[in-house]
Amino acid sequence: MNIDIQQPAPFDLVGQEILIAGNAVGFEGTLSVMLTEGHDQFDSFVNAGSLMLRQFQGSVTVPDDIEFKLSRLFLTVADDTAGGEGGPPPSVTLSVLYGPLILPGYTGYRERTVVAGDTLSAIAADEYGDASMFGVIQQANQHIVPDANLIVPGMVLRVPRNDG
């Protein structure tokens, strides 16, 4: 495989601007980027080295008019110029979590380590002043918290912020 995505990692919590970095070969130095959740799709590109494996980094900004319906997005990076002989181009796809659909005005997150006696409702009350917002924290951590009633001490949770 000639594409290795190092950022974002699978299930990273991302904002409207998504930083993408890794190692790749891209003929003419361009890699295609596609974001979709199965309903809407956004296409862009990042630059990479050409003809040999090189580090690359770039960013894509999701336009305001893209109306994703689900917070879990599939990020695909592909070298559309490779593949040849009718085969599919080399590509890598991973899931990321889209913060602006989890918490309106999303600006980032802070980490919080679960301690004995914590519940998602108690954490939400402490972080947001509203226990009913526990679902925001669960959505931001859906890959490790499939059930809001099952958190354990030592878990490191991402708590989305919208404090600009």
C-alpha atoms as a PDB file:
ATOM      1  CA  MET A   1       0.000   0.000   0.000  1.00  0.00           C
ATOM      2  CA  ASN A   2       1.388   3.387  -0.868  1.00  0.00           C
ATOM      3  CA  ILE A   3      -0.826   5.457   1.505  1.00  0.00           C
ATOM      4  CA  ASP A   4      -0.427   5.519   5.291  1.00  0.00           C
ATOM      5  CA  ILE A   5      -2.713   7.938   7.160  1.00  0.00           C
ATOM      6  CA  GLN A   6      -1.300   8.943  10.552  1.00  0.00           C
ATOM      7  CA  GLN A   7      -3.654  11.844  11.237  1.00  0.00           C
ATOM      8  CA  PRO A   8      -6.516  11.711  11.884  1.00  0.00           C
ATOM      9  CA  ALA A   9      -6.522   8.360  13.641  1.00  0.00           C
ATOM     10  CA  PRO A  10      -9.625   6.156  13.448  1.00  0.00           C
ATOM     11  CA  PHE A  11     -12.500   7.651  15.477  1.00  0.00           C
ATOM     12  CA  ASP A  12     -10.688  10.956  16.070  1.00  0.00           C
ATOM     13  CA  LEU A  13     -13.029  13.808  16.905  1.00  0.00           C
ATOM     14  CA  VAL A  14     -12.614  16.392  14.141  1.00  0.00           C
ATOM     15  CA  GLY A  15     -13.965  19.853  13.430  1.00  0.00           C
ATOM     16  CA  GLN A  16     -14.876  21.679  10.247  1.00  0.00           C
ATOM     17  CA  GLU A  17     -11.191  21.888   9.303  1.00  0.00           C
ATOM     18  CA  ILE A  18      -9.688  18.412   9.170  1.00  0.00           C
ATOM     19  CA  LEU A  19      -5.919  18.026   9.250  1.00  0.00           C
ATOM     20  CA  ILE A  20      -4.640  15.044   7.266  1.00  0.00           C
ATOM     21  CA  ALA A  21      -1.067  13.753   7.432  1.00  0.00           C
ATOM     22  CA  GLY A  22       0.852  10.593   6.673  1.00  0.00           C
ATOM     23  CA  ASN A  23       3.097   8.989   4.114  1.00  0.00           C
ATOM     24  CA  ALA A  24       2.132   8.428   0.510  1.00  0.00           C
ATOM     25  CA  VAL A  25       3.100   8.262  -3.106  1.00  0.00           C
ATOM     26  CA  GLY A  26       0.966  10.485  -5.263  1.00  0.00           C
ATOM     27  CA  PHE A  27       1.615  10.752  -8.976  1.00  0.00           C
ATOM     28  CA  GLU A  28       1.882  14.447  -9.782  1.00  0.00           C
ATOM     29  CA  GLY A  29       1.806  15.089  -6.025  1.00  0.00           C
ATOM     30  CA  THR A  30      -1.972  15.012  -5.426  1.00  0.00           C
ATOM     31  CA  LEU A  31      -4.143  12.744  -3.293  1.00  0.00           C
ATOM     32  CA  SER A  32      -7.941  12.821  -3.480  1.00  0.00           C
ATOM     33  CA  VAL A  33      -9.909  13.207  -0.247  1.00  0.00           C
ATOM     34  CA  MET A  34     -13.547  12.193   0.122  1.00  0.00           C
ATOM     35  CA  LEU A  35     -15.751  12.632   3.207  1.00  0.00           C
ATOM     36  CA  THR A  36     -19.136  10.947   3.377  1.00  0.00           C
ATOM     37  CA  GLU A  37     -21.599   9.527   5.870  1.00  0.00           C
ATOM     38  CA  GLY A  38     -23.718   7.812   3.250  1.00  0.00           C
ATOM     39  CA  HIS A  39     -26.062  10.734   2.572  1.00  0.00           C
ATOM     40  CA  ASP A  40     -23.890  13.667   1.550  1.00  0.00           C
ATOM     41  CA  GLN A  41     -20.352  13.774   0.198  1.00  0.00           C
ATOM     42  CA  PHE A  42     -17.533  16.303   0.064  1.00  0.00           C
ATOM     43  CA  ASP A  43     -14.537  15.898  -2.267  1.00  0.00           C
ATOM     44  CA  SER A  44     -11.206  17.714  -2.022  1.00  0.00           C
ATOM     45  CA  PHE A  45      -7.481  16.985  -2.297  1.00  0.00           C
ATOM     46  CA  VAL A  46      -4.145  17.318  -0.480  1.00  0.00           C
ATOM     47  CA  ASN A  47      -0.640  17.474  -1.912  1.00  0.00           C
ATOM     48  CA  ALA A  48       1.892  14.667  -1.458  1.00  0.00           C
ATOM     49  CA  GLY A  49       5.329  13.847  -2.763  1.00  0.00           C
ATOM     50  CA  SER A  50       5.667  12.327  -6.206  1.00  0.00           C
ATOM     51  CA  LEU A  51       7.202   9.105  -7.483  1.00  0.00           C
ATOM     52  CA  MET A  52       8.507   7.975  -4.094  1.00  0.00           C
ATOM     53  CA  LEU A  53       7.148   7.607  -0.576  1.00  0.00           C
ATOM     54  CA  ARG A  54       6.999  11.011   1.098  1.00  0.00           C
ATOM     55  CA  GLN A  55       5.477  12.571   4.150  1.00  0.00           C
ATOM     56  CA  PHE A  56       2.514  14.791   3.465  1.00  0.00           C
ATOM     57  CA  GLN A  57       0.223  17.031   5.403  1.00  0.00           C
ATOM     58  CA  GLY A  58      -2.696  19.135   4.411  1.00  0.00           C
ATOM     59  CA  SER A  59      -6.138  20.135   5.482  1.00  0.00           C
ATOM     60  CA  VAL A  60      -9.630  20.186   4.082  1.00  0.00           C
ATOM     61  CA  THR A  61     -12.406  22.443   5.299  1.00  0.00           C
ATOM     62  CA  VAL A  62     -15.947  21.116   5.149  1.00  0.00           C
ATOM     63  CA  PRO A  63     -18.073  23.820   3.480  1.00  0.00           C
ATOM     64  CA  ASP A  64     -21.065  25.213   5.361  1.00  0.00           C
ATOM     65  CA  ASP A  65     -23.449  23.977   2.656  1.00  0.00           C
ATOM     66  CA  ILE A  66     -22.569  20.301   3.214  1.00  0.00           C
ATOM     67  CA  GLU A  67     -25.360  18.879   5.333  1.00  0.00           C
ATOM     68  CA  PHE A  68     -24.073  15.687   6.878  1.00  0.00           C
ATOM     69  CA  LYS A  69     -26.822  13.859   8.761  1.00  0.00           C
ATOM     70  CA  LEU A  70     -24.659  11.497  10.805  1.00  0.00           C
ATOM     71  CA  SER A  71     -21.724  12.346  13.061  1.00  0.00           C
ATOM     72  CA  ARG A  72     -19.626   9.354  11.937  1.00  0.00           C
ATOM     73  CA  LEU A  73     -17.907  10.183   8.666  1.00  0.00           C
ATOM     74  CA  PHE A  74     -15.833   8.014   6.373  1.00  0.00           C
ATOM     75  CA  LEU A  75     -12.622   9.718   5.281  1.00  0.00           C
ATOM     76  CA  THR A  76     -11.048   8.232   2.147  1.00  0.00           C
ATOM     77  CA  VAL A  77      -7.653   9.269   0.808  1.00  0.00           C
ATOM     78  CA  ALA A  78      -6.825   7.911  -2.644  1.00  0.00           C
ATOM     79  CA  ASP A  79      -4.227   8.215  -5.376  1.00  0.00           C
ATOM     80  CA  ASP A  80      -6.601   8.419  -8.337  1.00  0.00           C
ATOM     81  CA  THR A  81      -3.707   8.545 -10.772  1.00  0.00           C
ATOM     82  CA  ALA A  82      -2.421   5.089  -9.793  1.00  0.00           C
ATOM     83  CA  GLY A  83      -3.915   1.648 -10.106  1.00  0.00           C
ATOM     84  CA  GLY A  84      -3.578   1.232 -13.844  1.00  0.00           C
ATOM     85  CA  GLU A  85      -4.668  -1.831 -15.788  1.00  0.00           C
ATOM     86  CA  GLY A  86      -8.282  -1.236 -14.785  1.00  0.00           C
ATOM     87  CA  GLY A  87      -7.693  -1.909 -11.088  1.00  0.00           C
ATOM     88  CA  PRO A  88      -8.987   0.384  -8.373  1.00  0.00           C
ATOM     89  CA  PRO A  89      -6.681   3.187  -7.235  1.00  0.00           C
ATOM     90  CA  PRO A  90      -4.834   2.720  -3.944  1.00  0.00           C
ATOM     91  CA  SER A  91      -6.899   4.175  -1.128  1.00  0.00           C
ATOM     92  CA  VAL A  92      -7.329   4.162   2.640  1.00  0.00           C
ATOM     93  CA  THR A  93     -10.661   4.707   4.422  1.00  0.00           C
ATOM     94  CA  LEU A  94     -11.176   5.348   8.108  1.00  0.00           C
ATOM     95  CA  SER A  95     -13.999   6.564  10.350  1.00  0.00           C
ATOM     96  CA  VAL A  96     -13.861   9.927  12.107  1.00  0.00           C
ATOM     97  CA  LEU A  97     -16.394  11.642  14.357  1.00  0.00           C
ATOM     98  CA  TYR A  98     -17.616  15.065  13.201  1.00  0.00           C
ATOM     99  CA  GLY A  99     -17.770  17.421  16.190  1.00  0.00           C
ATOM    100  CA  PRO A 100     -20.084  20.066  14.649  1.00  0.00           C
ATOM    101  CA  LEU A 101     -22.875  17.449  14.465  1.00  0.00           C
ATOM    102  CA  ILE A 102     -22.240  16.283  18.012  1.00  0.00           C
ATOM    103  CA  LEU A 103     -22.233  19.749  19.621  1.00  0.00           C
ATOM    104  CA  PRO A 104     -23.358  22.890  17.767  1.00  0.00           C
ATOM    105  CA  GLY A 105     -20.556  25.452  17.637  1.00  0.00           C
ATOM    106  CA  TYR A 106     -17.954  22.721  18.254  1.00  0.00           C
ATOM    107  CA  THR A 107     -14.482  24.200  18.831  1.00  0.00           C
ATOM    108  CA  GLY A 108     -12.562  21.238  20.219  1.00  0.00           C
ATOM    109  CA  TYR A 109     -12.576  18.940  23.212  1.00  0.00           C
ATOM    110  CA  ARG A 110     -10.884  18.361  26.511  1.00  0.00           C
ATOM    111  CA  GLU A 111     -10.076  14.996  27.999  1.00  0.00           C
ATOM    112  CA  ARG A 112     -11.547  13.839  31.275  1.00  0.00           C
ATOM    113  CA  THR A 113     -10.584  10.667  33.119  1.00  0.00           C
ATOM    114  CA  VAL A 114     -13.478   8.756  34.660  1.00  0.00           C
ATOM    115  CA  VAL A 115     -13.179   8.258  38.430  1.00  0.00           C
ATOM    116  CA  ALA A 116     -15.106   5.915  40.714  1.00  0.00           C
ATOM    117  CA  GLY A 117     -18.715   7.077  41.080  1.00  0.00           C
ATOM    118  CA  ASP A 118     -18.789   9.059  37.808  1.00  0.00           C
ATOM    119  CA  THR A 119     -21.741   8.753  35.452  1.00  0.00           C
ATOM    120  CA  LEU A 120     -22.135  10.401  32.066  1.00  0.00           C
ATOM    121  CA  SER A 121     -24.999  12.465  33.507  1.00  0.00           C
ATOM    122  CA  ALA A 122     -22.833  13.696  36.385  1.00  0.00           C
ATOM    123  CA  ILE A 123     -19.991  14.546  34.007  1.00  0.00           C
ATOM    124  CA  ALA A 124     -22.419  16.417  31.714  1.00  0.00           C
ATOM    125  CA  ALA A 125     -23.825  18.344  34.689  1.00  0.00           C
ATOM    126  CA  ASP A 126     -20.292  19.292  35.744  1.00  0.00           C
ATOM    127  CA  GLU A 127     -19.077  20.174  32.237  1.00  0.00           C
ATOM    128  CA  TYR A 128     -22.192  21.773  30.734  1.00  0.00           C
ATOM    129  CA  GLY A 129     -24.399  22.545  33.730  1.00  0.00           C
ATOM    130  CA  ASP A 130     -27.005  20.179  32.279  1.00  0.00           C
ATOM    131  CA  ALA A 131     -27.106  16.455  33.067  1.00  0.00           C
ATOM    132  CA  SER A 132     -29.323  15.791  30.069  1.00  0.00           C
ATOM    133  CA  MET A 133     -26.376  16.569  27.746  1.00  0.00           C
ATOM    134  CA  PHE A 134     -24.754  13.214  28.583  1.00  0.00           C
ATOM    135  CA  GLY A 135     -25.512  12.126  24.985  1.00  0.00           C
ATOM    136  CA  VAL A 136     -23.012  14.679  23.647  1.00  0.00           C
ATOM    137  CA  ILE A 137     -20.230  13.002  25.606  1.00  0.00           C
ATOM    138  CA  GLN A 138     -21.413   9.531  24.601  1.00  0.00           C
ATOM    139  CA  GLN A 139     -21.509  10.472  20.891  1.00  0.00           C
ATOM    140  CA  ALA A 140     -17.994  11.913  21.065  1.00  0.00           C
ATOM    141  CA  ASN A 141     -16.815   8.604  22.536  1.00  0.00           C
ATOM    142  CA  GLN A 142     -19.147   6.202  20.717  1.00  0.00           C
ATOM    143  CA  HIS A 143     -16.281   3.889  19.813  1.00  0.00           C
ATOM    144  CA  ILE A 144     -15.569   3.183  23.520  1.00  0.00           C
ATOM    145  CA  VAL A 145     -18.941   3.992  25.159  1.00  0.00           C
ATOM    146  CA  PRO A 146     -21.664   2.131  23.255  1.00  0.00           C
ATOM    147  CA  ASP A 147     -23.888   2.185  26.365  1.00  0.00           C
ATOM    148  CA  ALA A 148     -24.224   5.374  28.451  1.00  0.00           C
ATOM    149  CA  ASN A 149     -24.549   3.243  31.595  1.00  0.00           C
ATOM    150  CA  LEU A 150     -21.219   1.481  31.084  1.00  0.00           C
ATOM    151  CA  ILE A 151     -18.283   3.723  31.878  1.00  0.00           C
ATOM    152  CA  VAL A 152     -15.490   2.578  34.145  1.00  0.00           C
ATOM    153  CA  PRO A 153     -12.808   4.327  36.184  1.00  0.00           C
ATOM    154  CA  GLY A 154      -9.689   5.024  34.155  1.00  0.00           C
ATOM    155  CA  MET A 155     -11.511   5.625  30.840  1.00  0.00           C
ATOM    156  CA  VAL A 156     -10.352   8.816  29.178  1.00  0.00           C
ATOM    157  CA  LEU A 157     -13.347  10.557  27.624  1.00  0.00           C
ATOM    158  CA  ARG A 158     -13.381  13.428  25.147  1.00  0.00           C
ATOM    159  CA  VAL A 159     -15.695  16.205  26.282  1.00  0.00           C
ATOM    160  CA  PRO A 160     -16.669  18.419  23.317  1.00  0.00           C
ATOM    161  CA  ARG A 161     -16.472  22.181  23.800  1.00  0.00           C
ATOM    162  CA  ASN A 162     -18.073  25.118  22.032  1.00  0.00           C
ATOM    163  CA  ASP A 163     -16.385  27.927  23.921  1.00  0.00           C
ATOM    164  CA  GLY A 164     -14.534  29.494  20.962  1.00  0.00           C
END
